[in-house]
Amino acid sequence: MTFQFNSLIDFLNMAGHGPYVWASYAITTIALVTLVVYPLMQKKQIIAQIRRQQRISNPPE
């Protein structure tokens, strides 16, 4: 098996294209994490809001 790069630095640099490649990976990862985390946070807020509304409309006797 032969490796494309001779060292870790060569791998990270990718013949001068490394900054673009790693930036695109970072942007994609941030976007995917946001697409997962943001709806979960919204769901939590909506459930809390519904519970508050239920407590207001149905006070304990």
PDB file of N, CA and C in Angstrom:
ATOM      1  N   MET A   1       0.851  -1.170   0.000  1.00  0.00           N
ATOM      2  CA  MET A   1       0.000   0.000   0.000  1.00  0.00           C
ATOM      3  C   MET A   1       0.902   1.239   0.000  1.00  0.00           C
ATOM      4  N   THR A   2       0.635   2.160  -0.886  1.00  0.00           N
ATOM      5  CA  THR A   2       1.416   3.397  -0.941  1.00  0.00           C
ATOM      6  C   THR A   2       0.534   4.562  -0.523  1.00  0.00           C
ATOM      7  N   PHE A   3       1.149   5.473   0.201  1.00  0.00           N
ATOM      8  CA  PHE A   3       0.417   6.637   0.677  1.00  0.00           C
ATOM      9  C   PHE A   3       0.585   7.794  -0.303  1.00  0.00           C
ATOM     10  N   GLN A   4      -0.412   8.625  -0.390  1.00  0.00           N
ATOM     11  CA  GLN A   4      -0.376   9.779  -1.275  1.00  0.00           C
ATOM     12  C   GLN A   4       0.559  10.858  -0.735  1.00  0.00           C
ATOM     13  N   PHE A   5       0.669  10.962   0.579  1.00  0.00           N
ATOM     14  CA  PHE A   5       1.460  12.027   1.207  1.00  0.00           C
ATOM     15  C   PHE A   5       2.602  11.406   2.004  1.00  0.00           C
ATOM     16  N   ASN A   6       3.739  12.091   2.033  1.00  0.00           N
ATOM     17  CA  ASN A   6       4.914  11.573   2.724  1.00  0.00           C
ATOM     18  C   ASN A   6       4.905  11.855   4.219  1.00  0.00           C
ATOM     19  N   SER A   7       4.204  12.897   4.654  1.00  0.00           N
ATOM     20  CA  SER A   7       4.177  13.238   6.069  1.00  0.00           C
ATOM     21  C   SER A   7       2.827  13.863   6.412  1.00  0.00           C
ATOM     22  N   LEU A   8       2.628  14.056   7.692  1.00  0.00           N
ATOM     23  CA  LEU A   8       1.385  14.675   8.158  1.00  0.00           C
ATOM     24  C   LEU A   8       1.284  16.125   7.677  1.00  0.00           C
ATOM     25  N   ILE A   9       2.392  16.823   7.649  1.00  0.00           N
ATOM     26  CA  ILE A   9       2.401  18.217   7.175  1.00  0.00           C
ATOM     27  C   ILE A   9       2.000  18.273   5.701  1.00  0.00           C
ATOM     28  N   ASP A  10       2.524  17.341   4.892  1.00  0.00           N
ATOM     29  CA  ASP A  10       2.125  17.284   3.480  1.00  0.00           C
ATOM     30  C   ASP A  10       0.633  16.997   3.343  1.00  0.00           C
ATOM     31  N   PHE A  11       0.131  16.123   4.214  1.00  0.00           N
ATOM     32  CA  PHE A  11      -1.295  15.807   4.189  1.00  0.00           C
ATOM     33  C   PHE A  11      -2.133  17.037   4.526  1.00  0.00           C
ATOM     34  N   LEU A  12      -1.746  17.755   5.571  1.00  0.00           N
ATOM     35  CA  LEU A  12      -2.506  18.944   5.970  1.00  0.00           C
ATOM     36  C   LEU A  12      -2.405  20.055   4.941  1.00  0.00           C
ATOM     37  N   ASN A  13      -1.264  20.164   4.283  1.00  0.00           N
ATOM     38  CA  ASN A  13      -1.052  21.216   3.287  1.00  0.00           C
ATOM     39  C   ASN A  13      -1.713  20.876   1.950  1.00  0.00           C
ATOM     40  N   MET A  14      -1.745  19.606   1.593  1.00  0.00           N
ATOM     41  CA  MET A  14      -2.358  19.108   0.352  1.00  0.00           C
ATOM     42  C   MET A  14      -1.901  19.877  -0.878  1.00  0.00           C
ATOM     43  N   ALA A  15      -0.618  19.987  -1.040  1.00  0.00           N
ATOM     44  CA  ALA A  15      -0.012  20.636  -2.205  1.00  0.00           C
ATOM     45  C   ALA A  15      -0.518  22.073  -2.375  1.00  0.00           C
ATOM     46  N   GLY A  16      -0.696  22.772  -1.267  1.00  0.00           N
ATOM     47  CA  GLY A  16      -1.132  24.158  -1.317  1.00  0.00           C
ATOM     48  C   GLY A  16      -2.631  24.359  -1.264  1.00  0.00           C
ATOM     49  N   HIS A  17      -3.397  23.273  -1.362  1.00  0.00           N
ATOM     50  CA  HIS A  17      -4.864  23.369  -1.345  1.00  0.00           C
ATOM     51  C   HIS A  17      -5.455  23.116   0.033  1.00  0.00           C
ATOM     52  N   GLY A  18      -4.625  22.824   0.999  1.00  0.00           N
ATOM     53  CA  GLY A  18      -5.087  22.478   2.343  1.00  0.00           C
ATOM     54  C   GLY A  18      -6.007  23.491   2.994  1.00  0.00           C
ATOM     55  N   PRO A  19      -5.659  24.791   2.971  1.00  0.00           N
ATOM     56  CA  PRO A  19      -6.558  25.753   3.626  1.00  0.00           C
ATOM     57  C   PRO A  19      -7.985  25.732   3.054  1.00  0.00           C
ATOM     58  N   TYR A  20      -8.103  25.559   1.757  1.00  0.00           N
ATOM     59  CA  TYR A  20      -9.432  25.535   1.135  1.00  0.00           C
ATOM     60  C   TYR A  20     -10.172  24.252   1.497  1.00  0.00           C
ATOM     61  N   VAL A  21      -9.442  23.140   1.468  1.00  0.00           N
ATOM     62  CA  VAL A  21     -10.059  21.849   1.777  1.00  0.00           C
ATOM     63  C   VAL A  21     -10.516  21.821   3.226  1.00  0.00           C
ATOM     64  N   TRP A  22      -9.646  22.193   4.152  1.00  0.00           N
ATOM     65  CA  TRP A  22      -9.999  22.125   5.565  1.00  0.00           C
ATOM     66  C   TRP A  22     -11.056  23.161   5.929  1.00  0.00           C
ATOM     67  N   ALA A  23     -11.045  24.311   5.276  1.00  0.00           N
ATOM     68  CA  ALA A  23     -12.102  25.302   5.520  1.00  0.00           C
ATOM     69  C   ALA A  23     -13.450  24.764   5.057  1.00  0.00           C
ATOM     70  N   SER A  24     -13.468  24.082   3.919  1.00  0.00           N
ATOM     71  CA  SER A  24     -14.740  23.527   3.437  1.00  0.00           C
ATOM     72  C   SER A  24     -15.236  22.423   4.363  1.00  0.00           C
ATOM     73  N   TYR A  25     -14.323  21.602   4.872  1.00  0.00           N
ATOM     74  CA  TYR A  25     -14.726  20.587   5.846  1.00  0.00           C
ATOM     75  C   TYR A  25     -15.280  21.244   7.111  1.00  0.00           C
ATOM     76  N   ALA A  26     -14.641  22.283   7.583  1.00  0.00           N
ATOM     77  CA  ALA A  26     -15.098  22.967   8.793  1.00  0.00           C
ATOM     78  C   ALA A  26     -16.475  23.596   8.585  1.00  0.00           C
ATOM     79  N   ILE A  27     -16.670  24.266   7.462  1.00  0.00           N
ATOM     80  CA  ILE A  27     -17.958  24.908   7.176  1.00  0.00           C
ATOM     81  C   ILE A  27     -19.061  23.861   7.070  1.00  0.00           C
ATOM     82  N   THR A  28     -18.775  22.751   6.407  1.00  0.00           N
ATOM     83  CA  THR A  28     -19.763  21.686   6.262  1.00  0.00           C
ATOM     84  C   THR A  28     -20.115  21.086   7.619  1.00  0.00           C
ATOM     85  N   THR A  29     -19.111  20.854   8.451  1.00  0.00           N
ATOM     86  CA  THR A  29     -19.355  20.283   9.775  1.00  0.00           C
ATOM     87  C   THR A  29     -20.188  21.231  10.627  1.00  0.00           C
ATOM     88  N   ILE A  30     -19.863  22.516  10.591  1.00  0.00           N
ATOM     89  CA  ILE A  30     -20.634  23.503  11.355  1.00  0.00           C
ATOM     90  C   ILE A  30     -22.081  23.540  10.874  1.00  0.00           C
ATOM     91  N   ALA A  31     -22.276  23.500   9.567  1.00  0.00           N
ATOM     92  CA  ALA A  31     -23.640  23.522   9.017  1.00  0.00           C
ATOM     93  C   ALA A  31     -24.424  22.288   9.453  1.00  0.00           C
ATOM     94  N   LEU A  32     -23.800  21.113   9.381  1.00  0.00           N
ATOM     95  CA  LEU A  32     -24.503  19.890   9.763  1.00  0.00           C
ATOM     96  C   LEU A  32     -24.823  19.859  11.252  1.00  0.00           C
ATOM     97  N   VAL A  33     -23.909  20.294  12.076  1.00  0.00           N
ATOM     98  CA  VAL A  33     -24.166  20.341  13.517  1.00  0.00           C
ATOM     99  C   VAL A  33     -25.294  21.322  13.813  1.00  0.00           C
ATOM    100  N   THR A  34     -25.284  22.468  13.140  1.00  0.00           N
ATOM    101  CA  THR A  34     -26.351  23.460  13.330  1.00  0.00           C
ATOM    102  C   THR A  34     -27.702  22.889  12.914  1.00  0.00           C
ATOM    103  N   LEU A  35     -27.733  22.140  11.813  1.00  0.00           N
ATOM    104  CA  LEU A  35     -28.989  21.558  11.343  1.00  0.00           C
ATOM    105  C   LEU A  35     -29.537  20.501  12.293  1.00  0.00           C
ATOM    106  N   VAL A  36     -28.698  19.936  13.120  1.00  0.00           N
ATOM    107  CA  VAL A  36     -29.158  18.951  14.097  1.00  0.00           C
ATOM    108  C   VAL A  36     -29.503  19.626  15.426  1.00  0.00           C
ATOM    109  N   VAL A  37     -28.646  20.518  15.896  1.00  0.00           N
ATOM    110  CA  VAL A  37     -28.789  21.089  17.234  1.00  0.00           C
ATOM    111  C   VAL A  37     -29.912  22.132  17.294  1.00  0.00           C
ATOM    112  N   TYR A  38     -30.009  23.002  16.309  1.00  0.00           N
ATOM    113  CA  TYR A  38     -30.991  24.088  16.345  1.00  0.00           C
ATOM    114  C   TYR A  38     -32.438  23.581  16.458  1.00  0.00           C
ATOM    115  N   PRO A  39     -32.858  22.598  15.650  1.00  0.00           N
ATOM    116  CA  PRO A  39     -34.228  22.093  15.822  1.00  0.00           C
ATOM    117  C   PRO A  39     -34.459  21.451  17.189  1.00  0.00           C
ATOM    118  N   LEU A  40     -33.443  20.798  17.741  1.00  0.00           N
ATOM    119  CA  LEU A  40     -33.600  20.216  19.075  1.00  0.00           C
ATOM    120  C   LEU A  40     -33.798  21.300  20.127  1.00  0.00           C
ATOM    121  N   MET A  41     -33.064  22.392  20.001  1.00  0.00           N
ATOM    122  CA  MET A  41     -33.235  23.508  20.927  1.00  0.00           C
ATOM    123  C   MET A  41     -34.604  24.138  20.766  1.00  0.00           C
ATOM    124  N   GLN A  42     -35.066  24.289  19.531  1.00  0.00           N
ATOM    125  CA  GLN A  42     -36.397  24.854  19.299  1.00  0.00           C
ATOM    126  C   GLN A  42     -37.477  23.960  19.891  1.00  0.00           C
ATOM    127  N   LYS A  43     -37.325  22.649  19.730  1.00  0.00           N
ATOM    128  CA  LYS A  43     -38.303  21.711  20.276  1.00  0.00           C
ATOM    129  C   LYS A  43     -38.394  21.855  21.787  1.00  0.00           C
ATOM    130  N   LYS A  44     -37.256  21.965  22.436  1.00  0.00           N
ATOM    131  CA  LYS A  44     -37.232  22.124  23.892  1.00  0.00           C
ATOM    132  C   LYS A  44     -37.941  23.410  24.311  1.00  0.00           C
ATOM    133  N   GLN A  45     -37.706  24.515  23.585  1.00  0.00           N
ATOM    134  CA  GLN A  45     -38.342  25.784  23.905  1.00  0.00           C
ATOM    135  C   GLN A  45     -39.843  25.719  23.666  1.00  0.00           C
ATOM    136  N   ILE A  46     -40.260  25.069  22.601  1.00  0.00           N
ATOM    137  CA  ILE A  46     -41.693  24.970  22.293  1.00  0.00           C
ATOM    138  C   ILE A  46     -42.399  24.142  23.353  1.00  0.00           C
ATOM    139  N   ILE A  47     -41.798  23.050  23.783  1.00  0.00           N
ATOM    140  CA  ILE A  47     -42.410  22.217  24.827  1.00  0.00           C
ATOM    141  C   ILE A  47     -42.528  23.001  26.122  1.00  0.00           C
ATOM    142  N   ALA A  48     -41.498  23.754  26.477  1.00  0.00           N
ATOM    143  CA  ALA A  48     -41.560  24.579  27.693  1.00  0.00           C
ATOM    144  C   ALA A  48     -42.654  25.636  27.572  1.00  0.00           C
ATOM    145  N   GLN A  49     -42.793  26.231  26.397  1.00  0.00           N
ATOM    146  CA  GLN A  49     -43.823  27.252  26.186  1.00  0.00           C
ATOM    147  C   GLN A  49     -45.218  26.634  26.306  1.00  0.00           C
ATOM    148  N   ILE A  50     -45.411  25.456  25.743  1.00  0.00           N
ATOM    149  CA  ILE A  50     -46.715  24.791  25.828  1.00  0.00           C
ATOM    150  C   ILE A  50     -47.040  24.455  27.277  1.00  0.00           C
ATOM    151  N   ARG A  51     -46.066  23.999  28.040  1.00  0.00           N
ATOM    152  CA  ARG A  51     -46.301  23.680  29.452  1.00  0.00           C
ATOM    153  C   ARG A  51     -46.672  24.922  30.242  1.00  0.00           C
ATOM    154  N   ARG A  52     -46.007  26.052  29.951  1.00  0.00           N
ATOM    155  CA  ARG A  52     -46.354  27.312  30.626  1.00  0.00           C
ATOM    156  C   ARG A  52     -47.791  27.709  30.290  1.00  0.00           C
ATOM    157  N   GLN A  53     -48.174  27.578  29.019  1.00  0.00           N
ATOM    158  CA  GLN A  53     -49.530  27.936  28.615  1.00  0.00           C
ATOM    159  C   GLN A  53     -50.554  27.026  29.288  1.00  0.00           C
ATOM    160  N   GLN A  54     -50.223  25.760  29.432  1.00  0.00           N
ATOM    161  CA  GLN A  54     -51.156  24.835  30.092  1.00  0.00           C
ATOM    162  C   GLN A  54     -51.311  25.187  31.565  1.00  0.00           C
ATOM    163  N   ARG A  55     -50.211  25.574  32.227  1.00  0.00           N
ATOM    164  CA  ARG A  55     -50.310  25.961  33.645  1.00  0.00           C
ATOM    165  C   ARG A  55     -51.144  27.223  33.795  1.00  0.00           C
ATOM    166  N   ILE A  56     -51.020  28.153  32.854  1.00  0.00           N
ATOM    167  CA  ILE A  56     -51.789  29.398  32.939  1.00  0.00           C
ATOM    168  C   ILE A  56     -53.268  29.142  32.696  1.00  0.00           C
ATOM    169  N   SER A  57     -53.591  28.312  31.714  1.00  0.00           N
ATOM    170  CA  SER A  57     -55.005  28.086  31.377  1.00  0.00           C
ATOM    171  C   SER A  57     -55.677  27.080  32.304  1.00  0.00           C
ATOM    172  N   ASN A  58     -54.910  26.246  32.994  1.00  0.00           N
ATOM    173  CA  ASN A  58     -55.467  25.253  33.917  1.00  0.00           C
ATOM    174  C   ASN A  58     -54.796  25.383  35.286  1.00  0.00           C
ATOM    175  N   PRO A  59     -55.151  26.435  36.052  1.00  0.00           N
ATOM    176  CA  PRO A  59     -54.510  26.590  37.370  1.00  0.00           C
ATOM    177  C   PRO A  59     -54.945  25.477  38.312  1.00  0.00           C
ATOM    178  N   PRO A  60     -54.092  25.085  39.235  1.00  0.00           N
ATOM    179  CA  PRO A  60     -54.471  24.040  40.202  1.00  0.00           C
ATOM    180  C   PRO A  60     -55.574  24.558  41.139  1.00  0.00           C
ATOM    181  N   GLU A  61     -56.449  23.674  41.518  1.00  0.00           N
ATOM    182  CA  GLU A  61     -57.586  24.077  42.366  1.00  0.00           C
ATOM    183  C   GLU A  61     -57.291  23.928  43.815  1.00  0.00           C
TER     184      GLU A  61
END
